[in-house]
C-alpha atoms as a PDB file:
ATOM      1  CA  MET A   1      34.407   6.769 -19.938  1.00  0.00           C
ATOM      2  CA  ASP A   2      32.861   4.102 -17.720  1.00  0.00           C
ATOM      3  CA  ARG A   3      29.156   3.560 -18.103  1.00  0.00           C
ATOM      4  CA  ILE A   4      26.880   3.791 -15.088  1.00  0.00           C
ATOM      5  CA  ASP A   5      24.699   0.735 -14.672  1.00  0.00           C
ATOM      6  CA  MET A   6      21.356   2.355 -13.825  1.00  0.00           C
ATOM      7  CA  ASN A   7      19.843  -1.098 -13.255  1.00  0.00           C
ATOM      8  CA  ARG A   8      21.837  -1.332 -10.023  1.00  0.00           C
ATOM      9  CA  LEU A   9      19.742   1.439  -8.489  1.00  0.00           C
ATOM     10  CA  LYS A  10      16.674   0.623  -6.455  1.00  0.00           C
ATOM     11  CA  SER A  11      13.272   1.514  -7.838  1.00  0.00           C
ATOM     12  CA  GLY A  12      12.839   5.265  -7.380  1.00  0.00           C
ATOM     13  CA  GLU A  13      16.492   5.762  -6.368  1.00  0.00           C
ATOM     14  CA  VAL A  14      16.846   9.035  -8.285  1.00  0.00           C
ATOM     15  CA  ASN A  15      14.360  11.005  -6.230  1.00  0.00           C
ATOM     16  CA  LEU A  16      15.716  14.507  -5.860  1.00  0.00           C
ATOM     17  CA  GLY A  17      14.646  18.035  -6.756  1.00  0.00           C
ATOM     18  CA  THR A  18      16.583  21.013  -8.076  1.00  0.00           C
ATOM     19  CA  SER A  19      13.915  23.516  -7.038  1.00  0.00           C
ATOM     20  CA  ILE A  20      11.928  22.644  -3.926  1.00  0.00           C
ATOM     21  CA  MET A  21       9.704  24.700  -1.674  1.00  0.00           C
ATOM     22  CA  ALA A  22       7.406  24.407   1.339  1.00  0.00           C
ATOM     23  CA  VAL A  23       5.070  27.084   2.712  1.00  0.00           C
ATOM     24  CA  GLN A  24       2.972  27.026   5.860  1.00  0.00           C
ATOM     25  CA  PHE A  25      -0.585  28.380   5.940  1.00  0.00           C
ATOM     26  CA  ASP A  26      -3.374  28.375   8.467  1.00  0.00           C
ATOM     27  CA  GLY A  27      -4.395  24.729   8.658  1.00  0.00           C
ATOM     28  CA  GLY A  28      -1.682  23.075   6.613  1.00  0.00           C
ATOM     29  CA  VAL A  29       1.380  23.329   4.396  1.00  0.00           C
ATOM     30  CA  VAL A  30       2.048  23.269   0.664  1.00  0.00           C
ATOM     31  CA  ILE A  31       5.198  21.533  -0.563  1.00  0.00           C
ATOM     32  CA  GLY A  32       6.229  21.518  -4.196  1.00  0.00           C
ATOM     33  CA  ALA A  33       9.066  20.832  -6.620  1.00  0.00           C
ATOM     34  CA  ASP A  34       9.943  20.835 -10.264  1.00  0.00           C
ATOM     35  CA  SER A  35      10.478  17.549 -12.096  1.00  0.00           C
ATOM     36  CA  ARG A  36      14.147  17.722 -13.022  1.00  0.00           C
ATOM     37  CA  THR A  37      17.411  16.839 -11.312  1.00  0.00           C
ATOM     38  CA  THR A  38      21.006  16.278 -12.333  1.00  0.00           C
ATOM     39  CA  THR A  39      22.637  12.848 -12.283  1.00  0.00           C
ATOM     40  CA  GLY A  40      26.291  13.273 -13.143  1.00  0.00           C
ATOM     41  CA  SER A  41      26.340  14.991 -16.529  1.00  0.00           C
ATOM     42  CA  TYR A  42      22.694  14.241 -17.217  1.00  0.00           C
ATOM     43  CA  ILE A  43      19.395  15.899 -16.355  1.00  0.00           C
ATOM     44  CA  VAL A  44      16.667  13.415 -15.512  1.00  0.00           C
ATOM     45  CA  ARG A  45      13.052  13.607 -14.437  1.00  0.00           C
ATOM     46  CA  PHE A  46      11.754  12.287 -11.168  1.00  0.00           C
ATOM     47  CA  GLN A  47       9.020  12.095  -8.529  1.00  0.00           C
ATOM     48  CA  PRO A  48      10.152  14.753  -6.045  1.00  0.00           C
ATOM     49  CA  LEU A  49       8.270  14.135  -2.803  1.00  0.00           C
ATOM     50  CA  LEU A  50       9.110  11.363  -0.358  1.00  0.00           C
ATOM     51  CA  ASN A  51       6.355  10.292   2.020  1.00  0.00           C
ATOM     52  CA  LEU A  52       7.682   9.583   5.499  1.00  0.00           C
ATOM     53  CA  ARG A  53       6.127   7.266   8.081  1.00  0.00           C
ATOM     54  CA  ASN A  54       3.402   9.771   8.921  1.00  0.00           C
ATOM     55  CA  PRO A  55       1.089  10.274   5.912  1.00  0.00           C
ATOM     56  CA  THR A  56       0.847  14.003   6.769  1.00  0.00           C
ATOM     57  CA  GLU A  57       4.646  14.563   6.725  1.00  0.00           C
ATOM     58  CA  TYR A  58       6.576  15.020   3.510  1.00  0.00           C
ATOM     59  CA  LEU A  59      10.176  15.614   2.536  1.00  0.00           C
ATOM     60  CA  GLY A  60      11.849  17.592  -0.214  1.00  0.00           C
ATOM     61  CA  ASN A  61      15.578  17.115  -0.742  1.00  0.00           C
ATOM     62  CA  THR A  62      18.368  18.651  -2.793  1.00  0.00           C
ATOM     63  CA  GLY A  63      22.066  17.953  -3.161  1.00  0.00           C
ATOM     64  CA  LYS A  64      23.869  14.800  -4.164  1.00  0.00           C
ATOM     65  CA  SER A  65      21.398  12.077  -5.107  1.00  0.00           C
ATOM     66  CA  SER A  66      23.198   9.237  -3.356  1.00  0.00           C
ATOM     67  CA  ASP A  67      23.623  11.275  -0.153  1.00  0.00           C
ATOM     68  CA  THR A  68      20.023  12.395   0.158  1.00  0.00           C
ATOM     69  CA  GLN A  69      18.718   8.923  -0.707  1.00  0.00           C
ATOM     70  CA  ALA A  70      20.881   7.336   1.965  1.00  0.00           C
ATOM     71  CA  VAL A  71      19.867   9.868   4.622  1.00  0.00           C
ATOM     72  CA  ALA A  72      16.178   9.537   3.701  1.00  0.00           C
ATOM     73  CA  ASP A  73      16.351   5.739   3.935  1.00  0.00           C
ATOM     74  CA  ILE A  74      17.971   5.888   7.383  1.00  0.00           C
ATOM     75  CA  VAL A  75      15.470   8.433   8.701  1.00  0.00           C
ATOM     76  CA  HIS A  76      12.566   6.401   7.339  1.00  0.00           C
ATOM     77  CA  TYR A  77      13.863   3.366   9.238  1.00  0.00           C
ATOM     78  CA  TYR A  78      14.156   5.329  12.499  1.00  0.00           C
ATOM     79  CA  LEU A  79      10.696   6.836  12.074  1.00  0.00           C
ATOM     80  CA  GLN A  80       9.248   3.353  11.695  1.00  0.00           C
ATOM     81  CA  MET A  81      11.007   2.328  14.927  1.00  0.00           C
ATOM     82  CA  HIS A  82       9.737   5.457  16.665  1.00  0.00           C
ATOM     83  CA  ALA A  83       6.162   4.789  15.584  1.00  0.00           C
ATOM     84  CA  GLN A  84       6.307   1.236  16.905  1.00  0.00           C
ATOM     85  CA  THR A  85       7.773   2.152  20.297  1.00  0.00           C
ATOM     86  CA  SER A  86       5.679   5.279  20.902  1.00  0.00           C
ATOM     87  CA  GLY A  87       2.401   3.867  19.615  1.00  0.00           C
ATOM     88  CA  GLY A  88       1.746   6.810  17.289  1.00  0.00           C
ATOM     89  CA  PRO A  89       3.128   8.656  14.308  1.00  0.00           C
ATOM     90  CA  PRO A  90       6.213  10.850  14.890  1.00  0.00           C
ATOM     91  CA  THR A  91       5.885  14.617  14.791  1.00  0.00           C
ATOM     92  CA  VAL A  92       7.330  16.805  12.060  1.00  0.00           C
ATOM     93  CA  HIS A  93       9.891  18.092  14.558  1.00  0.00           C
ATOM     94  CA  VAL A  94      11.089  14.549  15.329  1.00  0.00           C
ATOM     95  CA  ALA A  95      11.556  13.800  11.627  1.00  0.00           C
ATOM     96  CA  ALA A  96      13.379  17.089  11.041  1.00  0.00           C
ATOM     97  CA  SER A  97      15.617  16.538  14.081  1.00  0.00           C
ATOM     98  CA  LEU A  98      16.686  13.123  12.782  1.00  0.00           C
ATOM     99  CA  PHE A  99      17.636  14.626   9.438  1.00  0.00           C
ATOM    100  CA  GLN A 100      19.489  17.458  11.157  1.00  0.00           C
ATOM    101  CA  ARG A 101      21.521  15.134  13.335  1.00  0.00           C
ATOM    102  CA  LEU A 102      22.565  12.889  10.459  1.00  0.00           C
ATOM    103  CA  CYS A 103      23.435  15.834   8.216  1.00  0.00           C
ATOM    104  CA  TYR A 104      25.393  17.657  10.926  1.00  0.00           C
ATOM    105  CA  GLU A 105      27.359  14.660  12.174  1.00  0.00           C
ATOM    106  CA  ASN A 106      28.347  13.816   8.587  1.00  0.00           C
ATOM    107  CA  LYS A 107      28.578  17.342   7.192  1.00  0.00           C
ATOM    108  CA  ASP A 108      32.087  16.818   5.840  1.00  0.00           C
ATOM    109  CA  ALA A 109      30.992  13.790   3.819  1.00  0.00           C
ATOM    110  CA  LEU A 110      27.451  14.731   2.720  1.00  0.00           C
ATOM    111  CA  SER A 111      25.973  17.154   0.237  1.00  0.00           C
ATOM    112  CA  ALA A 112      22.342  17.228   1.311  1.00  0.00           C
ATOM    113  CA  GLY A 113      19.789  19.982   1.806  1.00  0.00           C
ATOM    114  CA  ILE A 114      16.463  18.927   3.310  1.00  0.00           C
ATOM    115  CA  ILE A 115      13.030  20.506   3.764  1.00  0.00           C
ATOM    116  CA  VAL A 116      10.647  18.634   6.069  1.00  0.00           C
ATOM    117  CA  ALA A 117       7.056  19.840   6.174  1.00  0.00           C
ATOM    118  CA  GLY A 118       3.752  18.502   7.411  1.00  0.00           C
ATOM    119  CA  TRP A 119       1.019  18.578  10.025  1.00  0.00           C
ATOM    120  CA  ASP A 120       0.923  16.927  13.447  1.00  0.00           C
ATOM    121  CA  LYS A 121      -1.274  17.140  16.527  1.00  0.00           C
ATOM    122  CA  GLU A 122       1.324  18.868  18.681  1.00  0.00           C
ATOM    123  CA  ALA A 123       2.371  21.774  16.485  1.00  0.00           C
ATOM    124  CA  GLY A 124      -0.149  21.794  13.661  1.00  0.00           C
ATOM    125  CA  PRO A 125       1.414  22.818  10.334  1.00  0.00           C
ATOM    126  CA  SER A 126       5.182  23.363  10.341  1.00  0.00           C
ATOM    127  CA  VAL A 127       8.095  23.730   7.934  1.00  0.00           C
ATOM    128  CA  TYR A 128      11.711  22.914   8.814  1.00  0.00           C
ATOM    129  CA  ASN A 129      14.681  23.847   6.649  1.00  0.00           C
ATOM    130  CA  ILE A 130      17.924  21.853   7.013  1.00  0.00           C
ATOM    131  CA  PRO A 131      20.506  23.437   4.680  1.00  0.00           C
ATOM    132  CA  LEU A 132      23.967  22.157   3.820  1.00  0.00           C
ATOM    133  CA  GLY A 133      26.005  21.786   6.993  1.00  0.00           C
ATOM    134  CA  GLY A 134      23.230  20.449   9.198  1.00  0.00           C
ATOM    135  CA  GLY A 135      21.509  23.446  10.766  1.00  0.00           C
ATOM    136  CA  ILE A 136      17.796  23.329  11.519  1.00  0.00           C
ATOM    137  CA  PHE A 137      15.419  26.269  11.189  1.00  0.00           C
ATOM    138  CA  ARG A 138      11.661  26.418  11.547  1.00  0.00           C
ATOM    139  CA  GLN A 139      10.278  28.980   9.118  1.00  0.00           C
ATOM    140  CA  PRO A 140       6.899  29.845   7.565  1.00  0.00           C
ATOM    141  CA  TRP A 141       8.448  29.141   4.155  1.00  0.00           C
ATOM    142  CA  ALA A 142      11.598  27.488   2.872  1.00  0.00           C
ATOM    143  CA  ILE A 143      13.157  27.034  -0.552  1.00  0.00           C
ATOM    144  CA  GLY A 144      16.082  24.925  -1.716  1.00  0.00           C
ATOM    145  CA  GLY A 145      17.948  23.604  -4.709  1.00  0.00           C
ATOM    146  CA  SER A 146      19.859  25.327  -7.471  1.00  0.00           C
ATOM    147  CA  GLY A 147      16.780  27.253  -8.603  1.00  0.00           C
ATOM    148  CA  SER A 148      16.194  28.780  -5.176  1.00  0.00           C
ATOM    149  CA  THR A 149      19.002  31.324  -5.579  1.00  0.00           C
ATOM    150  CA  TYR A 150      16.965  33.122  -8.245  1.00  0.00           C
ATOM    151  CA  VAL A 151      13.787  33.605  -6.201  1.00  0.00           C
ATOM    152  CA  TYR A 152      14.745  34.619  -2.652  1.00  0.00           C
ATOM    153  CA  GLY A 153      13.989  38.257  -3.431  1.00  0.00           C
ATOM    154  CA  TYR A 154      10.605  37.379  -4.908  1.00  0.00           C
ATOM    155  CA  CYS A 155       9.712  35.326  -1.822  1.00  0.00           C
ATOM    156  CA  ASP A 156      10.781  38.090   0.567  1.00  0.00           C
ATOM    157  CA  ALA A 157       8.743  40.679  -1.324  1.00  0.00           C
ATOM    158  CA  THR A 158       5.638  38.541  -1.887  1.00  0.00           C
ATOM    159  CA  TYR A 159       5.021  36.286   1.123  1.00  0.00           C
ATOM    160  CA  GLN A 160       2.430  37.447   3.670  1.00  0.00           C
ATOM    161  CA  ASP A 161       1.308  35.959   6.961  1.00  0.00           C
ATOM    162  CA  GLY A 162      -2.298  34.832   7.177  1.00  0.00           C
ATOM    163  CA  TRP A 163      -2.628  33.377   3.709  1.00  0.00           C
ATOM    164  CA  GLY A 164      -5.123  30.592   3.094  1.00  0.00           C
ATOM    165  CA  ARG A 165      -4.761  27.512   0.937  1.00  0.00           C
ATOM    166  CA  ASP A 166      -5.410  29.120  -2.452  1.00  0.00           C
ATOM    167  CA  GLU A 167      -3.002  32.035  -1.958  1.00  0.00           C
ATOM    168  CA  THR A 168      -0.297  29.651  -0.762  1.00  0.00           C
ATOM    169  CA  VAL A 169      -0.711  27.275  -3.700  1.00  0.00           C
ATOM    170  CA  GLU A 170      -0.496  30.220  -6.106  1.00  0.00           C
ATOM    171  CA  PHE A 171       2.626  31.500  -4.325  1.00  0.00           C
ATOM    172  CA  VAL A 172       4.377  28.127  -4.597  1.00  0.00           C
ATOM    173  CA  LYS A 173       3.385  27.751  -8.251  1.00  0.00           C
ATOM    174  CA  ASN A 174       4.628  31.215  -9.204  1.00  0.00           C
ATOM    175  CA  THR A 175       7.874  30.856  -7.249  1.00  0.00           C
ATOM    176  CA  LEU A 176       8.773  27.513  -8.796  1.00  0.00           C
ATOM    177  CA  SER A 177       7.866  28.786 -12.269  1.00  0.00           C
ATOM    178  CA  LEU A 178      10.232  31.733 -11.833  1.00  0.00           C
ATOM    179  CA  ALA A 179      13.008  29.427 -10.608  1.00  0.00           C
ATOM    180  CA  MET A 180      12.477  27.056 -13.528  1.00  0.00           C
ATOM    181  CA  SER A 181      12.600  29.901 -16.055  1.00  0.00           C
ATOM    182  CA  ARG A 182      16.027  31.070 -14.821  1.00  0.00           C
ATOM    183  CA  ASP A 183      17.762  27.902 -13.651  1.00  0.00           C
ATOM    184  CA  GLY A 184      19.052  25.632 -16.391  1.00  0.00           C
ATOM    185  CA  SER A 185      18.908  22.568 -14.135  1.00  0.00           C
ATOM    186  CA  SER A 186      15.264  23.115 -13.153  1.00  0.00           C
ATOM    187  CA  GLY A 187      12.312  22.538 -15.418  1.00  0.00           C
ATOM    188  CA  GLY A 188       9.593  20.193 -16.570  1.00  0.00           C
ATOM    189  CA  VAL A 189       6.396  20.257 -14.555  1.00  0.00           C
ATOM    190  CA  ILE A 190       5.404  21.279 -11.031  1.00  0.00           C
ATOM    191  CA  ARG A 191       4.140  18.759  -8.496  1.00  0.00           C
ATOM    192  CA  MET A 192       2.644  19.959  -5.225  1.00  0.00           C
ATOM    193  CA  CYS A 193       1.077  18.472  -2.112  1.00  0.00           C
ATOM    194  CA  VAL A 194      -1.376  20.337   0.089  1.00  0.00           C
ATOM    195  CA  ILE A 195      -1.052  18.713   3.528  1.00  0.00           C
ATOM    196  CA  THR A 196      -3.709  19.267   6.187  1.00  0.00           C
ATOM    197  CA  GLU A 197      -4.909  17.377   9.252  1.00  0.00           C
ATOM    198  CA  ASP A 198      -7.348  15.241   7.289  1.00  0.00           C
ATOM    199  CA  ASN A 199      -5.977  15.015   3.798  1.00  0.00           C
ATOM    200  CA  VAL A 200      -3.003  15.058   1.449  1.00  0.00           C
ATOM    201  CA  GLU A 201      -4.045  16.617  -1.846  1.00  0.00           C
ATOM    202  CA  ARG A 202      -1.741  16.216  -4.837  1.00  0.00           C
ATOM    203  CA  LEU A 203      -1.645  18.929  -7.491  1.00  0.00           C
ATOM    204  CA  PHE A 204      -0.013  18.822 -10.910  1.00  0.00           C
ATOM    205  CA  VAL A 205       0.834  21.729 -13.230  1.00  0.00           C
ATOM    206  CA  PRO A 206       1.891  20.644 -16.758  1.00  0.00           C
ATOM    207  CA  GLY A 207       4.804  22.395 -18.402  1.00  0.00           C
ATOM    208  CA  ASP A 208       2.598  24.127 -20.987  1.00  0.00           C
ATOM    209  CA  GLN A 209       0.375  25.577 -18.238  1.00  0.00           C
ATOM    210  CA  LEU A 210       3.049  27.167 -16.061  1.00  0.00           C
ATOM    211  CA  PRO A 211       2.607  30.864 -15.223  1.00  0.00           C
ATOM    212  CA  LYS A 212       4.357  33.132 -17.721  1.00  0.00           C
ATOM    213  CA  PHE A 213       6.603  36.007 -16.709  1.00  0.00           C
ATOM    214  CA  TRP A 214       8.771  38.517 -18.537  1.00  0.00           C
ATOM    215  CA  GLN A 215      11.741  36.770 -20.089  1.00  0.00           C
ATOM    216  CA  GLY A 216      13.176  39.517 -22.296  1.00  0.00           C
ATOM    217  CA  LYS A 217      13.913  39.483 -26.004  1.00  0.00           C
ATOM    218  CA  GLU A 218      16.985  38.277 -27.820  1.00  0.00           C
ATOM    219  CA  VAL A 219      19.014  41.115 -29.314  1.00  0.00           C
ATOM    220  CA  LEU A 220      21.045  40.269 -32.439  1.00  0.00           C
ATOM    221  CA  GLY A 221      23.530  42.432 -34.273  1.00  0.00           C
ATOM    222  CA  ALA A 222      24.646  45.960 -33.510  1.00  0.00           C
ATOM    223  CA  ALA A 223      22.440  48.410 -31.662  1.00  0.00           C
ATOM    224  CA  THR A 224      20.431  50.785 -33.842  1.00  0.00           C
ATOM    225  CA  LYS A 225      19.368  54.347 -33.195  1.00  0.00           C
ATOM    226  CA  LYS A 226      15.766  53.722 -34.180  1.00  0.00           C
ATOM    227  CA  GLY A 227      13.529  55.305 -31.604  1.00  0.00           C
ATOM    228  CA  TYR A 228      16.535  56.469 -29.582  1.00  0.00           C
ATOM    229  CA  LEU A 229      16.564  60.026 -28.261  1.00  0.00           C
ATOM    230  CA  GLU A 230      19.898  61.711 -27.681  1.00  0.00           C
ATOM    231  CA  PRO A 231      20.060  63.017 -24.117  1.00  0.00           C
ATOM    232  CA  GLU A 232      20.208  66.760 -23.736  1.00  0.00           C
ATOM    233  CA  VAL A 233      23.618  67.847 -22.505  1.00  0.00           C
ATOM    234  CA  VAL A 234      23.452  70.510 -19.815  1.00  0.00           C
ATOM    235  CA  PRO A 235      26.745  72.275 -18.995  1.00  0.00           C
ATOM    236  CA  MET A 236      27.787  72.107 -15.371  1.00  0.00           C
ATOM    237  CA  ALA A 237      27.727  75.401 -13.548  1.00  0.00           C
ATOM    238  CA  VAL A 238      31.124  76.516 -12.328  1.00  0.00           C
ATOM    239  CA  GLU A 239      31.401  79.036  -9.537  1.00  0.00           C
ATOM    240  CA  ALA A 240      33.876  81.879 -10.057  1.00  0.00           C
END
């Protein structure tokens, strides 16, 4: 088997998440990810959040590492051009639209899922989800990556409009912890950014401090009858 020369990659080239999430709250957004991704047959650790041209806009990406890196590099270039020609930072919608166009026009060649989230003067806090295929959807929350399939029900049942910063951070932390506990390709630690008009706050949750949930117990050997009550059999009534 041919060896992959990892030295050929740029610094930070593997920069992709297997469980990513962004949630909007009144005054800002919280974006977070686990610290693990797959590279071929390997699982590696990484820095999951890419800062775009605007310091209050962030990106989470899932899919094929080379695809998402290439798309992110192209969008970053266009955002720099946009900032120079317009005289100000681009909005979150502009950044998301660039990703959407590139992903849609190359949907047959790319495997890339993108979440763009941030704060701008026009719309305030916003979250855009760009799934595989190149659609674009503005939502109060978005999840992606292989771990997301395990937590859609939890998000639907738990999320509430009107949350503040603390409730949103707790929601993101719990959701990612649940995804990491079920998905074999997610794990490690949780990194989050709380993005508001004035600040980008980085939060870190070590692996030994993740929220704990029920994970079941391993059952070995044959089932025993200890503590088992035989159900009472009631004959079915038959009409004459």
